[in-house]
N, C-alpha and C. Protein backbone atom coordinates (compact mmCIF):
# COMPACT_ATOMS: atom_id res chain seq x y z
N UNK A 1 -18.67 -22.81 23.66
CA UNK A 1 -19.09 -21.30 23.21
C UNK A 1 -18.24 -20.63 24.48
N UNK A 2 -18.25 -20.71 25.81
CA UNK A 2 -17.57 -20.23 26.95
C UNK A 2 -16.37 -20.77 26.85
N UNK A 3 -15.57 -19.74 26.95
CA UNK A 3 -13.85 -20.05 27.12
C UNK A 3 -13.55 -20.86 28.29
N UNK A 4 -12.75 -21.81 28.15
CA UNK A 4 -12.14 -22.44 29.32
C UNK A 4 -13.20 -23.77 29.85
N UNK A 5 -14.79 -23.68 29.37
CA UNK A 5 -15.41 -24.77 30.15
C UNK A 5 -14.94 -26.28 29.46
N UNK A 6 -14.93 -27.03 30.21
CA UNK A 6 -14.48 -28.48 30.00
C UNK A 6 -15.93 -29.26 30.15
N UNK A 7 -16.06 -30.19 29.10
CA UNK A 7 -17.25 -30.82 29.02
C UNK A 7 -17.10 -32.01 30.15
N UNK A 8 -18.36 -31.93 30.82
CA UNK A 8 -18.17 -33.06 32.24
C UNK A 8 -18.71 -34.36 31.36
N UNK A 9 -18.06 -35.41 32.28
CA UNK A 9 -18.35 -36.57 31.40
C UNK A 9 -19.25 -37.27 32.54
N UNK A 10 -19.51 -36.90 33.87
CA UNK A 10 -20.39 -37.66 34.80
C UNK A 10 -21.59 -37.13 35.02
N UNK A 11 -22.25 -37.62 35.66
CA UNK A 11 -23.96 -37.34 36.04
C UNK A 11 -24.58 -38.48 35.81
N UNK A 12 -25.91 -38.48 36.52
CA UNK A 12 -26.52 -39.47 36.11
C UNK A 12 -27.50 -39.35 34.89
N UNK A 13 -27.24 -40.31 34.07
CA UNK A 13 -27.93 -40.22 32.76
C UNK A 13 -27.69 -38.95 31.85
N UNK A 14 -26.51 -38.42 31.99
CA UNK A 14 -26.14 -37.30 31.21
C UNK A 14 -26.64 -36.20 31.76
N UNK A 15 -27.46 -35.95 32.63
CA UNK A 15 -28.09 -34.58 33.33
C UNK A 15 -27.13 -33.45 33.20
N UNK A 16 -25.78 -33.66 33.80
CA UNK A 16 -24.65 -32.67 34.04
C UNK A 16 -24.28 -32.18 32.43
N UNK A 17 -24.40 -33.06 31.33
CA UNK A 17 -24.04 -32.72 29.92
C UNK A 17 -25.28 -32.01 29.39
N UNK A 18 -26.65 -32.45 29.58
CA UNK A 18 -27.51 -31.65 29.31
C UNK A 18 -27.82 -30.14 29.99
N UNK A 19 -27.34 -30.14 31.11
CA UNK A 19 -27.57 -28.81 31.68
C UNK A 19 -26.12 -27.85 30.84
N UNK A 20 -25.17 -28.21 30.67
CA UNK A 20 -24.29 -27.67 30.20
C UNK A 20 -24.49 -27.26 28.72
N UNK A 21 -25.07 -28.17 28.18
CA UNK A 21 -25.73 -27.89 26.43
C UNK A 21 -26.50 -26.55 26.72
N UNK A 22 -27.62 -26.73 27.63
CA UNK A 22 -28.36 -25.70 27.86
C UNK A 22 -27.94 -24.41 28.12
N UNK A 23 -26.99 -24.36 28.95
CA UNK A 23 -26.23 -23.16 29.31
C UNK A 23 -25.45 -22.64 27.74
N UNK A 24 -25.10 -23.26 27.17
CA UNK A 24 -24.32 -22.84 26.00
C UNK A 24 -25.04 -22.46 24.89
N UNK A 25 -26.31 -23.15 24.64
CA UNK A 25 -27.25 -22.62 24.06
C UNK A 25 -28.17 -21.04 24.52
N UNK A 26 -28.15 -20.98 25.70
CA UNK A 26 -28.52 -19.88 26.05
C UNK A 26 -27.73 -18.67 25.79
N UNK A 27 -26.38 -19.04 25.87
CA UNK A 27 -25.19 -17.98 25.50
C UNK A 27 -25.33 -17.73 24.16
N UNK A 28 -25.38 -18.64 23.35
CA UNK A 28 -25.31 -18.56 21.93
C UNK A 28 -26.65 -17.56 21.68
N UNK A 29 -27.56 -17.84 22.02
CA UNK A 29 -28.81 -16.96 21.91
C UNK A 29 -28.70 -15.78 22.21
N UNK A 30 -27.57 -15.31 23.18
CA UNK A 30 -27.46 -13.96 23.88
C UNK A 30 -26.55 -13.41 22.69
N UNK A 31 -25.57 -14.15 22.19
CA UNK A 31 -24.62 -13.53 21.31
C UNK A 31 -25.20 -13.61 19.83
N UNK A 32 -26.33 -14.26 19.19
CA UNK A 32 -26.79 -14.09 18.27
C UNK A 32 -27.40 -12.65 18.41
N UNK A 33 -28.17 -12.50 19.54
CA UNK A 33 -28.95 -11.17 19.77
C UNK A 33 -28.38 -10.00 19.49
N UNK A 34 -27.03 -10.10 20.22
CA UNK A 34 -25.98 -9.03 20.22
C UNK A 34 -25.37 -8.55 18.87
N UNK A 35 -25.09 -9.39 18.06
CA UNK A 35 -24.61 -9.68 16.71
C UNK A 35 -25.63 -8.91 15.79
N UNK A 36 -26.81 -9.36 16.15
CA UNK A 36 -27.84 -8.80 15.03
C UNK A 36 -28.05 -7.20 15.40
N UNK A 37 -28.27 -7.00 16.96
CA UNK A 37 -28.19 -5.50 17.28
C UNK A 37 -27.44 -4.62 16.68
N UNK A 38 -26.06 -5.13 16.57
CA UNK A 38 -24.66 -4.57 16.11
C UNK A 38 -25.03 -4.22 14.63
N UNK A 39 -25.08 -5.31 14.19
CA UNK A 39 -25.44 -5.25 12.65
C UNK A 39 -26.49 -4.23 11.98
N UNK A 40 -27.62 -4.21 12.93
CA UNK A 40 -28.64 -3.23 12.77
C UNK A 40 -28.18 -1.88 12.96
N UNK A 41 -27.52 -1.77 14.10
CA UNK A 41 -26.94 -0.36 14.38
C UNK A 41 -26.10 0.12 13.51
N UNK A 42 -24.96 -0.48 13.04
CA UNK A 42 -24.07 -0.23 11.99
C UNK A 42 -24.80 0.05 10.65
N UNK A 43 -25.67 -0.67 10.10
CA UNK A 43 -26.39 -0.51 8.78
C UNK A 43 -27.51 0.85 8.99
N UNK A 44 -27.94 1.04 9.93
CA UNK A 44 -28.80 2.28 10.26
C UNK A 44 -27.67 3.45 10.27
N UNK A 45 -26.68 3.53 10.76
CA UNK A 45 -25.59 4.39 10.77
C UNK A 45 -25.01 4.77 9.38
N UNK A 46 -24.99 3.71 8.55
CA UNK A 46 -24.56 3.93 7.21
C UNK A 46 -25.30 4.23 6.11
N UNK A 47 -26.80 4.18 6.57
CA UNK A 47 -27.94 5.04 5.65
C UNK A 47 -28.14 6.09 6.05
N UNK A 48 -27.84 6.57 7.47
CA UNK A 48 -28.05 7.73 7.63
C UNK A 48 -26.89 8.68 7.05
N UNK A 49 -25.46 8.17 6.99
CA UNK A 49 -24.33 8.61 6.40
C UNK A 49 -24.93 9.13 4.80
N UNK A 50 -25.38 7.90 4.25
CA UNK A 50 -25.89 8.09 2.61
C UNK A 50 -26.66 9.22 2.78
N UNK A 51 -27.63 9.50 3.64
CA UNK A 51 -28.63 10.24 3.53
C UNK A 51 -27.96 11.70 3.74
N UNK A 52 -27.12 11.76 4.63
CA UNK A 52 -26.27 13.06 4.74
C UNK A 52 -25.57 13.73 3.71
N UNK A 53 -24.88 12.63 2.91
CA UNK A 53 -24.15 12.89 1.75
C UNK A 53 -25.13 13.59 0.76
N UNK A 54 -26.29 12.93 0.61
CA UNK A 54 -27.32 13.53 -0.63
C UNK A 54 -27.32 15.07 -0.66
N UNK A 55 -27.35 15.64 0.40
CA UNK A 55 -27.42 17.11 0.23
C UNK A 55 -26.41 17.86 -0.29
N UNK A 56 -25.03 17.21 -0.60
CA UNK A 56 -23.91 17.75 -1.09
C UNK A 56 -23.62 17.43 -2.38
N UNK A 57 -24.41 16.57 -2.65
CA UNK A 57 -24.30 16.08 -4.34
C UNK A 57 -24.66 17.18 -5.53
N UNK A 58 -23.78 17.23 -6.37
CA UNK A 58 -23.96 18.27 -7.44
C UNK A 58 -25.27 17.80 -8.26
N UNK A 59 -25.80 18.94 -8.64
CA UNK A 59 -27.16 18.52 -9.05
C UNK A 59 -27.02 17.82 -10.79
N UNK A 60 -26.02 18.11 -11.32
CA UNK A 60 -25.77 16.91 -12.43
C UNK A 60 -25.53 15.65 -12.01
N UNK A 61 -24.79 15.31 -10.61
CA UNK A 61 -24.93 13.96 -10.31
C UNK A 61 -26.42 13.44 -10.12
N UNK A 62 -27.12 14.40 -9.34
CA UNK A 62 -28.38 14.10 -8.96
C UNK A 62 -29.00 13.46 -10.18
N UNK A 63 -29.27 14.50 -11.06
CA UNK A 63 -30.14 13.88 -12.53
C UNK A 63 -29.21 12.53 -13.25
N UNK A 64 -28.07 12.49 -12.90
CA UNK A 64 -27.62 11.41 -13.80
C UNK A 64 -27.65 10.01 -13.09
N UNK A 65 -27.34 9.97 -11.72
CA UNK A 65 -27.11 8.87 -11.12
C UNK A 65 -28.42 8.57 -10.07
N UNK A 66 -29.02 9.37 -9.69
CA UNK A 66 -30.30 9.09 -8.46
C UNK A 66 -31.12 8.25 -9.19
N UNK A 67 -31.73 8.42 -10.36
CA UNK A 67 -32.53 7.32 -11.03
C UNK A 67 -32.07 5.91 -10.99
N UNK A 68 -30.81 5.74 -11.22
CA UNK A 68 -30.64 4.20 -11.20
C UNK A 68 -30.48 3.82 -9.70
N UNK A 69 -30.03 4.46 -8.95
CA UNK A 69 -30.05 4.17 -7.37
C UNK A 69 -31.58 4.17 -6.87
N UNK A 70 -32.45 4.68 -7.39
CA UNK A 70 -34.03 4.62 -7.06
C UNK A 70 -34.15 3.07 -7.70
N UNK A 71 -34.06 2.85 -8.84
CA UNK A 71 -34.33 1.58 -9.61
C UNK A 71 -33.82 0.47 -8.64
N UNK A 72 -32.39 0.48 -8.30
CA UNK A 72 -31.96 -0.40 -7.29
C UNK A 72 -32.72 -0.57 -6.07
N UNK A 73 -33.09 0.22 -5.76
CA UNK A 73 -33.66 0.19 -4.40
C UNK A 73 -35.04 -0.64 -4.62
N UNK A 74 -35.85 -0.05 -5.41
CA UNK A 74 -37.05 -0.74 -5.99
C UNK A 74 -37.06 -1.98 -6.42
N UNK A 75 -35.56 -2.36 -6.70
CA UNK A 75 -35.82 -3.98 -7.30
C UNK A 75 -35.50 -5.01 -6.04
N UNK A 76 -35.30 -4.42 -4.68
CA UNK A 76 -35.13 -5.07 -3.67
C UNK A 76 -36.46 -5.90 -3.34
N UNK A 77 -35.90 -7.20 -3.08
CA UNK A 77 -37.22 -8.00 -2.75
C UNK A 77 -37.00 -8.59 -1.60
N UNK A 78 -37.27 -7.85 -0.67
CA UNK A 78 -36.97 -8.44 0.99
C UNK A 78 -38.05 -8.96 1.63
N UNK A 79 -38.12 -10.09 2.31
CA UNK A 79 -39.09 -10.52 3.21
C UNK A 79 -38.37 -10.49 4.58
N UNK A 80 -38.68 -9.13 5.35
CA UNK A 80 -38.24 -9.10 6.61
C UNK A 80 -38.72 -10.02 7.67
N UNK A 81 -40.13 -10.06 7.37
CA UNK A 81 -40.40 -11.21 8.79
C UNK A 81 -39.90 -12.61 8.74
N UNK A 82 -39.62 -12.67 7.37
CA UNK A 82 -38.79 -14.17 7.53
C UNK A 82 -37.42 -14.48 8.05
N UNK A 83 -36.79 -13.32 8.23
CA UNK A 83 -35.30 -13.13 9.13
C UNK A 83 -34.30 -13.75 8.19
N UNK A 84 -34.36 -13.68 6.94
CA UNK A 84 -33.53 -14.49 6.24
C UNK A 84 -32.32 -13.65 5.77
N UNK A 85 -31.29 -14.64 5.78
CA UNK A 85 -29.76 -14.37 5.72
C UNK A 85 -29.74 -13.59 4.43
N UNK A 86 -30.42 -14.25 3.27
CA UNK A 86 -29.95 -13.84 2.02
C UNK A 86 -30.43 -12.16 1.83
N UNK A 87 -31.69 -11.75 2.64
CA UNK A 87 -32.02 -10.72 2.74
C UNK A 87 -31.08 -9.63 3.45
N UNK A 88 -30.48 -9.90 4.62
CA UNK A 88 -29.48 -9.21 5.07
C UNK A 88 -28.69 -8.99 4.02
N UNK A 89 -27.99 -9.97 3.36
CA UNK A 89 -26.73 -9.93 2.51
C UNK A 89 -27.05 -8.97 1.18
N UNK A 90 -28.21 -8.68 0.93
CA UNK A 90 -28.82 -8.04 -0.05
C UNK A 90 -28.93 -6.60 0.50
N UNK A 91 -29.22 -6.35 1.64
CA UNK A 91 -29.21 -5.30 2.29
C UNK A 91 -27.76 -4.47 2.48
N UNK A 92 -27.00 -5.45 2.92
CA UNK A 92 -25.65 -4.98 2.87
C UNK A 92 -25.02 -4.65 1.65
N UNK A 93 -25.54 -5.18 0.54
CA UNK A 93 -24.82 -5.07 -0.89
C UNK A 93 -25.43 -3.70 -1.44
N UNK A 94 -26.61 -3.44 -1.23
CA UNK A 94 -27.27 -2.23 -1.45
C UNK A 94 -26.66 -1.05 -0.88
N UNK A 95 -26.32 -1.29 0.39
CA UNK A 95 -25.96 -0.18 1.18
C UNK A 95 -24.23 0.44 0.90
N UNK A 96 -23.68 -0.82 0.77
CA UNK A 96 -22.44 -0.51 -0.10
C UNK A 96 -22.16 -0.13 -1.28
N UNK A 97 -23.01 -0.33 -2.31
CA UNK A 97 -23.17 0.04 -3.45
C UNK A 97 -23.64 1.85 -3.62
N UNK A 98 -24.73 2.03 -2.58
CA UNK A 98 -24.78 3.39 -2.54
C UNK A 98 -24.00 4.08 -2.13
N UNK A 99 -23.51 3.68 -1.00
CA UNK A 99 -22.44 4.43 -0.34
C UNK A 99 -21.34 4.77 -1.34
N UNK A 100 -20.81 3.95 -1.97
CA UNK A 100 -19.48 3.62 -3.02
C UNK A 100 -20.20 4.88 -4.17
N UNK A 101 -21.36 4.89 -4.76
CA UNK A 101 -21.95 5.58 -5.55
C UNK A 101 -22.05 7.26 -5.09
N UNK A 102 -22.43 7.41 -3.88
CA UNK A 102 -22.57 8.55 -3.50
C UNK A 102 -21.12 9.36 -3.42
N UNK A 103 -20.45 8.70 -2.49
CA UNK A 103 -18.89 9.29 -2.46
C UNK A 103 -18.48 9.54 -4.00
N UNK A 104 -18.31 8.54 -5.09
CA UNK A 104 -18.14 9.02 -6.35
C UNK A 104 -18.45 9.85 -6.82
N UNK A 105 -19.69 10.35 -6.83
CA UNK A 105 -20.38 11.40 -7.30
C UNK A 105 -20.19 12.28 -6.60
N UNK A 106 -19.88 12.59 -5.32
CA UNK A 106 -19.27 14.10 -4.96
C UNK A 106 -18.22 14.29 -5.28
N UNK A 107 -17.15 13.20 -5.77
CA UNK A 107 -15.75 13.57 -6.28
C UNK A 107 -15.84 13.83 -7.97
N UNK A 108 -16.38 13.02 -8.68
CA UNK A 108 -16.52 13.38 -9.88
C UNK A 108 -17.94 13.50 -10.33
N UNK A 109 -18.55 14.82 -10.54
CA UNK A 109 -19.93 14.97 -10.81
C UNK A 109 -20.42 14.30 -12.01
N UNK A 110 -21.49 13.73 -12.02
CA UNK A 110 -22.05 13.09 -13.29
C UNK A 110 -21.39 11.91 -13.80
N UNK A 111 -20.37 11.33 -12.99
CA UNK A 111 -19.52 9.91 -13.39
C UNK A 111 -19.46 8.86 -12.46
N UNK A 112 -20.48 8.81 -11.38
CA UNK A 112 -20.35 8.02 -10.23
C UNK A 112 -20.49 6.71 -10.58
N UNK A 113 -21.13 6.08 -11.82
CA UNK A 113 -21.31 4.77 -11.78
C UNK A 113 -20.09 4.35 -13.20
N UNK A 114 -19.50 5.29 -13.73
CA UNK A 114 -18.81 4.92 -14.94
C UNK A 114 -17.29 5.20 -14.70
N UNK A 115 -16.62 4.23 -14.93
CA UNK A 115 -15.14 4.96 -14.84
C UNK A 115 -14.72 5.95 -15.54
N UNK A 116 -13.61 6.21 -15.53
CA UNK A 116 -13.17 7.56 -16.58
C UNK A 116 -12.86 6.92 -17.37
N UNK A 117 -12.85 7.41 -18.67
CA UNK A 117 -12.57 6.98 -20.03
C UNK A 117 -11.13 7.28 -20.23
N UNK A 118 -10.33 6.70 -20.68
CA UNK A 118 -8.82 7.16 -21.20
C UNK A 118 -8.75 6.69 -22.34
N UNK A 119 -7.95 7.64 -23.30
CA UNK A 119 -7.56 7.19 -24.73
C UNK A 119 -6.50 5.89 -24.57
N UNK A 120 -6.95 4.79 -25.61
CA UNK A 120 -6.01 3.84 -25.55
C UNK A 120 -4.66 4.16 -25.63
N UNK A 121 -3.77 3.51 -25.37
CA UNK A 121 -2.21 3.82 -25.31
C UNK A 121 -1.77 3.04 -26.58
N UNK A 122 -0.84 3.57 -27.28
CA UNK A 122 -0.55 3.07 -28.38
C UNK A 122 0.62 1.77 -27.70
N UNK A 123 0.67 0.74 -28.59
CA UNK A 123 1.47 -0.30 -28.20
C UNK A 123 3.13 0.06 -28.43
N UNK A 124 3.73 -0.17 -27.48
CA UNK A 124 5.27 0.24 -27.63
C UNK A 124 5.86 -0.82 -28.75
N UNK A 125 6.79 -0.12 -29.44
CA UNK A 125 7.50 -0.87 -30.65
C UNK A 125 8.88 -1.41 -29.88
N UNK A 126 9.10 -2.77 -30.27
CA UNK A 126 10.25 -3.07 -29.86
C UNK A 126 11.51 -2.85 -30.59
N UNK A 127 12.36 -2.62 -30.51
CA UNK A 127 13.52 -2.24 -31.53
C UNK A 127 14.56 -3.58 -31.11
N UNK A 128 14.81 -4.13 -32.37
CA UNK A 128 15.65 -5.21 -32.12
C UNK A 128 16.99 -4.85 -32.84
């Protein structure tokens, strides 16, 4: 874990090795905590951004898009006490979907979740 450390091969009954492993595990524990805290801060910021965008949504988008976004949020089956990676992935997914949806709804009122429809293009005729 720590850069540049060499594994010691000496020591009575591997005590040096155990101490080094213990130090590396403590370092890993600190890295896990830091990564987790940064994940939380980033996601909380993204949620706040979504909330701030909601105020500028056109009313038509609110009527057409918000019910589906609410259904998505209500469908979440999270168990935060377990600290499951699956829950974090689902949180990440829903935040990304909501962010995309809100941004799209601001650009094209009422069409956030549907791609724009275009008329089918006629096939080009080949001349021989």
